[in-house]
Amino acid sequence: MSLHPRRTGWRFQWATIAWLTVVWVLLWGDVTWGNIVNGALLGLLVTVGLRMTPVDFRGRVHPLGLLVLLGRFALDLVRASFEVSIVALRPRYTPRGAVICVQLRSHSDLYLTMTAELVSLVPGSIIVEAHRLTGRLYVHVLDVETSGGVEKARQSVLDQEARVLRALASDEELADAGLQRRGRDREVASR
């Protein structure tokens, strides 16, 4: 299956145009006919005029894995926000930042991008560089001490990737990454 708009037909393009129109109106913060028409025209221009690179998606959405991914992401947001505020409010404390290299297990552009976005959205870490061909992410960590050290920060990124894969990847993609679904981990352990 491909997520390329030209390959999925007009139904997907109309949904994309509608979504872009909603985003446009929300950005302006005022529901007027002018904003709706301009949003629709801009959505049409973006959808038809800009070439989108094809994204191969061979997996499917796994509701339990998605729930775990979103729940843990929300928990990470709260925890990291608290940690960053502690670092910011400590008098005369200079955080020891670091840039770490994380070799991801998956070779999919989609999963690399999703992992990078989720890691960047959590306060205290940002993706400095992503190497598509090698599957490496270079992550800047605000404070290595608060993060529990370099290896713990690296493992945190790998855990995020595992949650993304368990939420969206096919069984073959999981096996290629050396992972299994959570339910199957328990089945294998009980044998």
N, C-alpha and C. Protein backbone atom coordinates (compact mmCIF):
# COMPACT_ATOMS: atom_id res chain seq x y z
N MET A 1 0.84 -1.18 0.00
CA MET A 1 0.00 0.00 0.00
C MET A 1 0.88 1.24 0.00
N SER A 2 0.50 2.23 -0.74
CA SER A 2 1.27 3.46 -0.82
C SER A 2 0.42 4.61 -0.30
N LEU A 3 1.06 5.52 0.42
CA LEU A 3 0.36 6.69 0.93
C LEU A 3 0.51 7.89 0.00
N HIS A 4 0.86 7.65 -1.24
CA HIS A 4 1.05 8.70 -2.23
C HIS A 4 -0.31 9.18 -2.72
N PRO A 5 -0.61 10.50 -2.62
CA PRO A 5 -1.94 10.97 -2.96
C PRO A 5 -2.35 10.70 -4.40
N ARG A 6 -1.45 10.75 -5.35
CA ARG A 6 -1.82 10.52 -6.73
C ARG A 6 -2.15 9.05 -6.99
N ARG A 7 -1.68 8.17 -6.11
CA ARG A 7 -1.94 6.75 -6.30
C ARG A 7 -3.18 6.28 -5.56
N THR A 8 -3.69 7.06 -4.65
CA THR A 8 -4.84 6.62 -3.87
C THR A 8 -6.14 7.23 -4.39
N GLY A 9 -6.08 8.08 -5.39
CA GLY A 9 -7.29 8.58 -6.02
C GLY A 9 -7.79 9.89 -5.44
N TRP A 10 -8.90 10.36 -6.06
CA TRP A 10 -9.44 11.66 -5.71
C TRP A 10 -10.07 11.67 -4.33
N ARG A 11 -10.56 10.52 -3.86
CA ARG A 11 -11.19 10.50 -2.54
C ARG A 11 -10.18 10.94 -1.47
N PHE A 12 -8.95 10.43 -1.57
CA PHE A 12 -7.92 10.82 -0.61
C PHE A 12 -7.56 12.29 -0.79
N GLN A 13 -7.50 12.77 -2.02
CA GLN A 13 -7.15 14.16 -2.25
C GLN A 13 -8.22 15.09 -1.68
N TRP A 14 -9.49 14.74 -1.81
CA TRP A 14 -10.53 15.59 -1.26
C TRP A 14 -10.47 15.59 0.26
N ALA A 15 -10.14 14.44 0.84
CA ALA A 15 -9.98 14.39 2.30
C ALA A 15 -8.81 15.27 2.73
N THR A 16 -7.74 15.23 1.96
CA THR A 16 -6.57 16.06 2.27
C THR A 16 -6.90 17.55 2.13
N ILE A 17 -7.63 17.89 1.08
CA ILE A 17 -8.02 19.29 0.88
C ILE A 17 -8.92 19.76 2.03
N ALA A 18 -9.85 18.91 2.43
CA ALA A 18 -10.73 19.26 3.55
C ALA A 18 -9.93 19.45 4.83
N TRP A 19 -8.98 18.54 5.09
CA TRP A 19 -8.16 18.64 6.29
C TRP A 19 -7.32 19.92 6.27
N LEU A 20 -6.70 20.23 5.12
CA LEU A 20 -5.90 21.44 5.01
C LEU A 20 -6.77 22.69 5.19
N THR A 21 -8.01 22.64 4.72
CA THR A 21 -8.92 23.76 4.91
C THR A 21 -9.22 23.96 6.39
N VAL A 22 -9.47 22.87 7.10
CA VAL A 22 -9.72 22.95 8.55
C VAL A 22 -8.51 23.54 9.27
N VAL A 23 -7.33 23.07 8.92
CA VAL A 23 -6.10 23.58 9.54
C VAL A 23 -5.95 25.07 9.26
N TRP A 24 -6.22 25.49 8.02
CA TRP A 24 -6.12 26.90 7.65
C TRP A 24 -7.07 27.76 8.50
N VAL A 25 -8.31 27.32 8.63
CA VAL A 25 -9.29 28.07 9.41
C VAL A 25 -8.87 28.11 10.88
N LEU A 26 -8.38 26.99 11.40
CA LEU A 26 -7.92 26.97 12.79
C LEU A 26 -6.73 27.91 13.01
N LEU A 27 -5.83 27.97 12.03
CA LEU A 27 -4.68 28.87 12.16
C LEU A 27 -5.12 30.33 12.20
N TRP A 28 -6.13 30.68 11.41
CA TRP A 28 -6.63 32.04 11.42
C TRP A 28 -7.49 32.32 12.63
N GLY A 29 -8.08 31.26 13.21
CA GLY A 29 -8.88 31.42 14.41
C GLY A 29 -10.22 32.10 14.21
N ASP A 30 -10.68 32.18 12.95
CA ASP A 30 -11.93 32.85 12.66
C ASP A 30 -12.63 32.11 11.52
N VAL A 31 -13.83 31.62 11.77
CA VAL A 31 -14.57 30.89 10.74
C VAL A 31 -15.37 31.88 9.91
N THR A 32 -14.81 32.22 8.74
CA THR A 32 -15.49 33.10 7.79
C THR A 32 -15.48 32.42 6.43
N TRP A 33 -16.38 32.88 5.56
CA TRP A 33 -16.40 32.30 4.21
C TRP A 33 -15.08 32.55 3.50
N GLY A 34 -14.48 33.70 3.72
CA GLY A 34 -13.20 34.01 3.09
C GLY A 34 -12.10 33.04 3.53
N ASN A 35 -12.05 32.74 4.83
CA ASN A 35 -11.05 31.79 5.32
C ASN A 35 -11.30 30.39 4.79
N ILE A 36 -12.56 29.98 4.71
CA ILE A 36 -12.88 28.65 4.21
C ILE A 36 -12.51 28.53 2.74
N VAL A 37 -12.88 29.52 1.93
CA VAL A 37 -12.57 29.47 0.50
C VAL A 37 -11.06 29.53 0.28
N ASN A 38 -10.37 30.43 0.98
CA ASN A 38 -8.92 30.52 0.84
C ASN A 38 -8.24 29.23 1.30
N GLY A 39 -8.72 28.63 2.38
CA GLY A 39 -8.16 27.36 2.85
C GLY A 39 -8.35 26.25 1.84
N ALA A 40 -9.55 26.20 1.23
CA ALA A 40 -9.82 25.17 0.21
C ALA A 40 -8.94 25.38 -1.02
N LEU A 41 -8.80 26.64 -1.44
CA LEU A 41 -7.94 26.92 -2.60
C LEU A 41 -6.48 26.59 -2.31
N LEU A 42 -6.04 26.94 -1.13
CA LEU A 42 -4.66 26.62 -0.74
C LEU A 42 -4.47 25.11 -0.63
N GLY A 43 -5.45 24.41 -0.06
CA GLY A 43 -5.39 22.95 0.02
C GLY A 43 -5.34 22.32 -1.35
N LEU A 44 -6.14 22.84 -2.29
CA LEU A 44 -6.13 22.33 -3.67
C LEU A 44 -4.77 22.58 -4.32
N LEU A 45 -4.23 23.78 -4.13
CA LEU A 45 -2.92 24.12 -4.68
C LEU A 45 -1.83 23.20 -4.14
N VAL A 46 -1.83 22.98 -2.83
CA VAL A 46 -0.82 22.12 -2.21
C VAL A 46 -0.97 20.68 -2.69
N THR A 47 -2.20 20.19 -2.73
CA THR A 47 -2.44 18.79 -3.09
C THR A 47 -2.11 18.50 -4.54
N VAL A 48 -2.51 19.41 -5.43
CA VAL A 48 -2.30 19.18 -6.86
C VAL A 48 -0.93 19.67 -7.31
N GLY A 49 -0.48 20.79 -6.78
CA GLY A 49 0.71 21.43 -7.29
C GLY A 49 2.04 20.93 -6.76
N LEU A 50 2.05 20.44 -5.55
CA LEU A 50 3.31 20.00 -4.97
C LEU A 50 3.47 18.49 -5.09
N ARG A 51 4.60 18.07 -5.55
CA ARG A 51 4.85 16.63 -5.67
C ARG A 51 5.19 16.08 -4.29
N MET A 52 4.54 15.00 -3.97
CA MET A 52 4.81 14.31 -2.71
C MET A 52 5.59 13.04 -3.03
N THR A 53 6.63 12.79 -2.28
CA THR A 53 7.37 11.56 -2.49
C THR A 53 6.55 10.39 -1.96
N PRO A 54 6.60 9.27 -2.66
CA PRO A 54 5.80 8.14 -2.21
C PRO A 54 6.34 7.56 -0.90
N VAL A 55 5.44 7.15 -0.04
CA VAL A 55 5.80 6.54 1.23
C VAL A 55 5.20 5.14 1.23
N ASP A 56 6.06 4.14 1.33
CA ASP A 56 5.58 2.77 1.37
C ASP A 56 5.16 2.41 2.78
N PHE A 57 3.94 1.95 2.90
CA PHE A 57 3.42 1.52 4.19
C PHE A 57 2.86 0.12 4.01
N ARG A 58 3.56 -0.85 4.57
CA ARG A 58 3.13 -2.24 4.44
C ARG A 58 2.50 -2.77 5.72
N GLY A 59 2.47 -1.96 6.73
CA GLY A 59 1.92 -2.40 8.01
C GLY A 59 0.44 -2.11 8.09
N ARG A 60 -0.08 -2.16 9.29
CA ARG A 60 -1.45 -1.76 9.57
C ARG A 60 -1.49 -1.23 10.99
N VAL A 61 -2.54 -0.49 11.29
CA VAL A 61 -2.66 0.10 12.62
C VAL A 61 -3.11 -0.99 13.59
N HIS A 62 -2.37 -1.14 14.68
CA HIS A 62 -2.69 -2.08 15.74
C HIS A 62 -3.21 -1.26 16.93
N PRO A 63 -4.52 -1.34 17.21
CA PRO A 63 -5.12 -0.45 18.22
C PRO A 63 -4.44 -0.51 19.59
N LEU A 64 -4.12 -1.69 20.07
CA LEU A 64 -3.48 -1.78 21.39
C LEU A 64 -2.09 -1.13 21.37
N GLY A 65 -1.32 -1.41 20.32
CA GLY A 65 0.00 -0.80 20.18
C GLY A 65 -0.09 0.71 20.06
N LEU A 66 -1.11 1.19 19.33
CA LEU A 66 -1.31 2.64 19.18
C LEU A 66 -1.68 3.27 20.51
N LEU A 67 -2.50 2.59 21.27
CA LEU A 67 -2.88 3.08 22.60
C LEU A 67 -1.66 3.18 23.51
N VAL A 68 -0.81 2.15 23.47
CA VAL A 68 0.43 2.17 24.27
C VAL A 68 1.33 3.31 23.82
N LEU A 69 1.47 3.48 22.50
CA LEU A 69 2.31 4.56 21.95
C LEU A 69 1.82 5.92 22.41
N LEU A 70 0.53 6.19 22.27
CA LEU A 70 -0.01 7.50 22.64
C LEU A 70 0.02 7.72 24.15
N GLY A 71 -0.30 6.68 24.92
CA GLY A 71 -0.27 6.81 26.37
C GLY A 71 1.12 7.09 26.90
N ARG A 72 2.09 6.35 26.39
CA ARG A 72 3.47 6.56 26.84
C ARG A 72 4.00 7.91 26.37
N PHE A 73 3.59 8.34 25.17
CA PHE A 73 4.01 9.65 24.68
C PHE A 73 3.48 10.75 25.60
N ALA A 74 2.21 10.65 26.01
CA ALA A 74 1.63 11.63 26.92
C ALA A 74 2.37 11.63 28.26
N LEU A 75 2.67 10.45 28.76
CA LEU A 75 3.42 10.32 30.02
C LEU A 75 4.82 10.94 29.87
N ASP A 76 5.50 10.67 28.75
CA ASP A 76 6.82 11.25 28.51
C ASP A 76 6.76 12.77 28.43
N LEU A 77 5.71 13.31 27.82
CA LEU A 77 5.55 14.77 27.74
C LEU A 77 5.48 15.40 29.12
N VAL A 78 4.67 14.81 29.99
CA VAL A 78 4.51 15.36 31.34
C VAL A 78 5.81 15.23 32.13
N ARG A 79 6.41 14.04 32.10
CA ARG A 79 7.64 13.79 32.85
C ARG A 79 8.76 14.71 32.38
N ALA A 80 8.96 14.78 31.06
CA ALA A 80 10.05 15.59 30.51
C ALA A 80 9.81 17.08 30.76
N SER A 81 8.57 17.53 30.69
CA SER A 81 8.28 18.94 30.97
C SER A 81 8.66 19.27 32.40
N PHE A 82 8.36 18.38 33.32
CA PHE A 82 8.72 18.57 34.72
C PHE A 82 10.24 18.61 34.87
N GLU A 83 10.95 17.67 34.23
CA GLU A 83 12.42 17.62 34.33
C GLU A 83 13.07 18.87 33.75
N VAL A 84 12.57 19.33 32.60
CA VAL A 84 13.14 20.54 31.98
C VAL A 84 12.87 21.75 32.85
N SER A 85 11.70 21.83 33.46
CA SER A 85 11.42 22.98 34.34
C SER A 85 12.33 22.96 35.57
N ILE A 86 12.63 21.78 36.10
CA ILE A 86 13.56 21.67 37.24
C ILE A 86 14.95 22.16 36.83
N VAL A 87 15.40 21.74 35.64
CA VAL A 87 16.72 22.17 35.15
C VAL A 87 16.73 23.69 34.97
N ALA A 88 15.66 24.24 34.42
CA ALA A 88 15.60 25.68 34.17
C ALA A 88 15.55 26.50 35.46
N LEU A 89 14.93 25.95 36.49
CA LEU A 89 14.74 26.71 37.72
C LEU A 89 15.85 26.50 38.76
N ARG A 90 16.75 25.56 38.52
CA ARG A 90 17.83 25.33 39.49
C ARG A 90 18.84 26.48 39.43
N PRO A 91 19.08 27.13 40.54
CA PRO A 91 20.03 28.25 40.52
C PRO A 91 21.46 27.75 40.32
N ARG A 92 22.19 28.46 39.52
CA ARG A 92 23.62 28.20 39.24
C ARG A 92 23.90 26.79 38.72
N TYR A 93 22.94 26.18 38.10
CA TYR A 93 23.15 24.84 37.54
C TYR A 93 23.31 24.95 36.03
N THR A 94 24.38 24.38 35.53
CA THR A 94 24.61 24.36 34.09
C THR A 94 24.39 22.94 33.59
N PRO A 95 23.37 22.74 32.76
CA PRO A 95 23.10 21.39 32.26
C PRO A 95 24.22 20.93 31.33
N ARG A 96 24.51 19.64 31.40
CA ARG A 96 25.51 19.03 30.51
C ARG A 96 24.79 18.38 29.35
N GLY A 97 24.72 19.10 28.26
CA GLY A 97 24.06 18.59 27.06
C GLY A 97 24.98 17.68 26.28
N ALA A 98 24.40 16.88 25.41
CA ALA A 98 25.18 15.97 24.57
C ALA A 98 24.40 15.68 23.30
N VAL A 99 25.15 15.39 22.25
CA VAL A 99 24.55 14.90 21.02
C VAL A 99 24.91 13.44 20.92
N ILE A 100 23.89 12.58 20.85
CA ILE A 100 24.14 11.15 20.80
C ILE A 100 23.65 10.60 19.46
N CYS A 101 24.31 9.55 19.01
CA CYS A 101 23.93 8.86 17.77
C CYS A 101 23.15 7.61 18.15
N VAL A 102 22.00 7.45 17.52
CA VAL A 102 21.16 6.28 17.77
C VAL A 102 20.93 5.55 16.45
N GLN A 103 21.37 4.31 16.38
CA GLN A 103 21.13 3.48 15.21
C GLN A 103 19.78 2.80 15.37
N LEU A 104 18.83 3.19 14.51
CA LEU A 104 17.50 2.60 14.59
C LEU A 104 17.50 1.20 13.99
N ARG A 105 16.52 0.40 14.40
CA ARG A 105 16.45 -0.99 13.93
C ARG A 105 15.71 -1.11 12.62
N SER A 106 14.76 -0.23 12.37
CA SER A 106 13.95 -0.28 11.15
C SER A 106 14.64 0.51 10.04
N HIS A 107 14.38 0.12 8.81
CA HIS A 107 14.97 0.82 7.66
C HIS A 107 13.92 1.59 6.86
N SER A 108 12.75 1.78 7.46
CA SER A 108 11.66 2.48 6.79
C SER A 108 11.75 3.98 7.03
N ASP A 109 11.58 4.75 5.96
CA ASP A 109 11.56 6.21 6.09
C ASP A 109 10.41 6.68 6.96
N LEU A 110 9.27 6.02 6.83
CA LEU A 110 8.09 6.40 7.60
C LEU A 110 8.33 6.24 9.10
N TYR A 111 8.87 5.11 9.51
CA TYR A 111 9.10 4.86 10.93
C TYR A 111 10.24 5.73 11.47
N LEU A 112 11.24 5.99 10.65
CA LEU A 112 12.32 6.89 11.06
C LEU A 112 11.77 8.28 11.32
N THR A 113 10.92 8.75 10.41
CA THR A 113 10.33 10.09 10.55
C THR A 113 9.43 10.17 11.77
N MET A 114 8.60 9.15 11.96
CA MET A 114 7.69 9.18 13.10
C MET A 114 8.45 9.13 14.42
N THR A 115 9.48 8.30 14.48
CA THR A 115 10.30 8.23 15.69
C THR A 115 10.97 9.57 15.95
N ALA A 116 11.54 10.16 14.91
CA ALA A 116 12.22 11.45 15.06
C ALA A 116 11.25 12.53 15.53
N GLU A 117 10.05 12.56 14.97
CA GLU A 117 9.07 13.57 15.37
C GLU A 117 8.65 13.40 16.82
N LEU A 118 8.38 12.16 17.22
CA LEU A 118 7.95 11.93 18.60
C LEU A 118 9.05 12.25 19.60
N VAL A 119 10.29 11.94 19.25
CA VAL A 119 11.42 12.27 20.13
C VAL A 119 11.58 13.78 20.23
N SER A 120 11.43 14.48 19.11
CA SER A 120 11.59 15.94 19.11
C SER A 120 10.48 16.65 19.87
N LEU A 121 9.29 16.08 19.90
CA LEU A 121 8.18 16.72 20.58
C LEU A 121 8.28 16.63 22.10
N VAL A 122 9.07 15.71 22.60
CA VAL A 122 9.26 15.58 24.05
C VAL A 122 10.29 16.63 24.48
N PRO A 123 9.96 17.49 25.43
CA PRO A 123 10.91 18.52 25.86
C PRO A 123 12.22 17.92 26.37
N GLY A 124 13.31 18.61 26.06
CA GLY A 124 14.63 18.17 26.52
C GLY A 124 15.42 17.39 25.48
N SER A 125 14.79 17.10 24.35
CA SER A 125 15.51 16.40 23.28
C SER A 125 15.04 16.95 21.94
N ILE A 126 15.97 16.98 21.01
CA ILE A 126 15.65 17.45 19.65
C ILE A 126 16.53 16.70 18.66
N ILE A 127 15.99 16.39 17.51
CA ILE A 127 16.76 15.71 16.48
C ILE A 127 17.62 16.76 15.77
N VAL A 128 18.92 16.52 15.80
CA VAL A 128 19.85 17.43 15.13
C VAL A 128 20.00 17.02 13.67
N GLU A 129 20.05 15.72 13.43
CA GLU A 129 20.23 15.22 12.08
C GLU A 129 19.66 13.82 11.99
N ALA A 130 19.10 13.51 10.83
CA ALA A 130 18.58 12.17 10.57
C ALA A 130 19.18 11.68 9.26
N HIS A 131 19.84 10.53 9.31
CA HIS A 131 20.42 9.93 8.11
C HIS A 131 19.47 8.86 7.61
N ARG A 132 18.84 9.16 6.50
CA ARG A 132 17.85 8.27 5.93
C ARG A 132 18.46 6.95 5.47
N LEU A 133 19.58 6.99 4.82
CA LEU A 133 20.18 5.78 4.26
C LEU A 133 20.74 4.84 5.32
N THR A 134 21.29 5.40 6.39
CA THR A 134 21.87 4.55 7.43
C THR A 134 20.90 4.28 8.57
N GLY A 135 19.81 5.04 8.66
CA GLY A 135 18.84 4.86 9.73
C GLY A 135 19.35 5.36 11.07
N ARG A 136 20.16 6.38 11.05
CA ARG A 136 20.71 6.94 12.29
C ARG A 136 20.06 8.28 12.60
N LEU A 137 19.81 8.47 13.88
CA LEU A 137 19.33 9.75 14.38
C LEU A 137 20.39 10.33 15.29
N TYR A 138 20.66 11.62 15.13
CA TYR A 138 21.55 12.33 16.05
C TYR A 138 20.65 13.21 16.91
N VAL A 139 20.65 12.92 18.19
CA VAL A 139 19.71 13.55 19.13
C VAL A 139 20.49 14.42 20.10
N HIS A 140 20.05 15.68 20.25
CA HIS A 140 20.61 16.54 21.27
C HIS A 140 19.79 16.37 22.54
N VAL A 141 20.46 16.00 23.62
CA VAL A 141 19.82 15.83 24.92
C VAL A 141 20.20 17.04 25.77
N LEU A 142 19.20 17.70 26.34
CA LEU A 142 19.42 18.92 27.11
C LEU A 142 20.35 18.70 28.30
N ASP A 143 20.07 17.67 29.08
CA ASP A 143 20.88 17.41 30.26
C ASP A 143 21.06 15.90 30.41
N VAL A 144 22.27 15.44 30.20
CA VAL A 144 22.56 14.01 30.25
C VAL A 144 22.32 13.47 31.66
N GLU A 145 22.64 14.26 32.68
CA GLU A 145 22.46 13.82 34.06
C GLU A 145 20.99 13.57 34.38
N THR A 146 20.12 14.50 34.00
CA THR A 146 18.68 14.35 34.24
C THR A 146 18.11 13.19 33.43
N SER A 147 18.67 12.95 32.25
CA SER A 147 18.19 11.87 31.38
C SER A 147 18.65 10.50 31.84
N GLY A 148 19.54 10.44 32.81
CA GLY A 148 20.02 9.15 33.31
C GLY A 148 21.25 8.64 32.60
N GLY A 149 21.91 9.47 31.84
CA GLY A 149 23.13 9.07 31.15
C GLY A 149 22.90 8.88 29.66
N VAL A 150 23.99 8.76 28.95
CA VAL A 150 23.94 8.64 27.49
C VAL A 150 23.23 7.36 27.06
N GLU A 151 23.56 6.24 27.69
CA GLU A 151 22.95 4.96 27.29
C GLU A 151 21.45 4.94 27.57
N LYS A 152 21.02 5.54 28.66
CA LYS A 152 19.59 5.58 28.95
C LYS A 152 18.86 6.47 27.94
N ALA A 153 19.48 7.57 27.55
CA ALA A 153 18.89 8.45 26.55
C ALA A 153 18.79 7.73 25.21
N ARG A 154 19.83 6.99 24.84
CA ARG A 154 19.83 6.21 23.60
C ARG A 154 18.72 5.14 23.66
N GLN A 155 18.62 4.46 24.80
CA GLN A 155 17.60 3.41 24.95
C GLN A 155 16.20 4.01 24.90
N SER A 156 16.04 5.22 25.37
CA SER A 156 14.75 5.89 25.33
C SER A 156 14.29 6.09 23.88
N VAL A 157 15.21 6.48 23.00
CA VAL A 157 14.88 6.65 21.58
C VAL A 157 14.55 5.29 20.96
N LEU A 158 15.31 4.27 21.29
CA LEU A 158 15.04 2.93 20.75
C LEU A 158 13.69 2.39 21.25
N ASP A 159 13.35 2.70 22.50
CA ASP A 159 12.06 2.28 23.02
C ASP A 159 10.92 3.00 22.29
N GLN A 160 11.13 4.27 21.97
CA GLN A 160 10.13 5.01 21.21
C GLN A 160 9.93 4.38 19.83
N GLU A 161 11.03 4.01 19.19
CA GLU A 161 10.95 3.36 17.88
C GLU A 161 10.19 2.04 18.00
N ALA A 162 10.47 1.27 19.05
CA ALA A 162 9.78 -0.01 19.25
C ALA A 162 8.28 0.20 19.41
N ARG A 163 7.88 1.24 20.13
CA ARG A 163 6.45 1.51 20.30
C ARG A 163 5.81 1.90 18.97
N VAL A 164 6.52 2.69 18.16
CA VAL A 164 6.01 3.06 16.84
C VAL A 164 5.84 1.81 15.99
N LEU A 165 6.84 0.95 15.99
CA LEU A 165 6.77 -0.27 15.19
C LEU A 165 5.65 -1.19 15.67
N ARG A 166 5.50 -1.34 16.97
CA ARG A 166 4.43 -2.21 17.49
C ARG A 166 3.05 -1.64 17.20
N ALA A 167 2.96 -0.34 17.01
CA ALA A 167 1.67 0.29 16.72
C ALA A 167 1.32 0.22 15.24
N LEU A 168 2.33 0.21 14.36
CA LEU A 168 2.04 0.37 12.94
C LEU A 168 2.68 -0.65 12.00
N ALA A 169 3.69 -1.34 12.41
CA ALA A 169 4.44 -2.20 11.49
C ALA A 169 3.76 -3.55 11.29
N SER A 170 4.09 -4.16 10.17
CA SER A 170 3.63 -5.52 9.91
C SER A 170 4.49 -6.50 10.71
N ASP A 171 4.05 -7.75 10.79
CA ASP A 171 4.82 -8.76 11.51
C ASP A 171 6.20 -8.95 10.88
N GLU A 172 6.28 -8.87 9.55
CA GLU A 172 7.56 -9.01 8.86
C GLU A 172 8.51 -7.86 9.19
N GLU A 173 7.97 -6.64 9.24
CA GLU A 173 8.80 -5.48 9.59
C GLU A 173 9.28 -5.58 11.04
N LEU A 174 8.42 -6.06 11.92
CA LEU A 174 8.83 -6.26 13.31
C LEU A 174 9.94 -7.30 13.40
N ALA A 175 9.79 -8.40 12.68
CA ALA A 175 10.81 -9.45 12.71
C ALA A 175 12.13 -8.92 12.15
N ASP A 176 12.08 -8.13 11.08
CA ASP A 176 13.30 -7.53 10.51
C ASP A 176 14.00 -6.63 11.52
N ALA A 177 13.21 -5.98 12.37
CA ALA A 177 13.77 -5.08 13.39
C ALA A 177 14.16 -5.84 14.65
N GLY A 178 13.89 -7.13 14.70
CA GLY A 178 14.24 -7.93 15.87
C GLY A 178 13.25 -7.78 17.01
N LEU A 179 12.01 -7.42 16.69
CA LEU A 179 10.98 -7.20 17.71
C LEU A 179 9.80 -8.13 17.47
N GLN A 180 8.96 -8.26 18.48
CA GLN A 180 7.71 -8.99 18.38
C GLN A 180 6.61 -8.15 19.01
N ARG A 181 5.38 -8.49 18.69
CA ARG A 181 4.25 -7.82 19.34
C ARG A 181 4.24 -8.17 20.81
N ARG A 182 3.68 -7.32 21.63
CA ARG A 182 3.66 -7.53 23.09
C ARG A 182 2.98 -8.84 23.46
N GLY A 183 1.82 -9.13 22.89
CA GLY A 183 1.11 -10.36 23.20
C GLY A 183 1.91 -11.59 22.83
N ARG A 184 2.65 -11.51 21.74
CA ARG A 184 3.45 -12.65 21.31
C ARG A 184 4.69 -12.83 22.17
N ASP A 185 5.17 -11.73 22.78
CA ASP A 185 6.30 -11.86 23.71
C ASP A 185 5.92 -12.76 24.87
N ARG A 186 4.68 -12.59 25.37
CA ARG A 186 4.22 -13.42 26.48
C ARG A 186 4.03 -14.86 26.05
N GLU A 187 3.53 -15.07 24.80
CA GLU A 187 3.34 -16.43 24.31
C GLU A 187 4.67 -17.16 24.18
N VAL A 188 5.68 -16.46 23.65
CA VAL A 188 7.00 -17.07 23.47
C VAL A 188 7.62 -17.37 24.82
N ALA A 189 7.44 -16.47 25.80
CA ALA A 189 8.03 -16.66 27.13
C ALA A 189 7.39 -17.83 27.86
N SER A 190 6.10 -18.08 27.60
CA SER A 190 5.42 -19.16 28.31
C SER A 190 5.74 -20.54 27.74
N ARG A 191 6.30 -20.62 26.55
CA ARG A 191 6.61 -21.92 25.93
C ARG A 191 7.83 -22.55 26.49
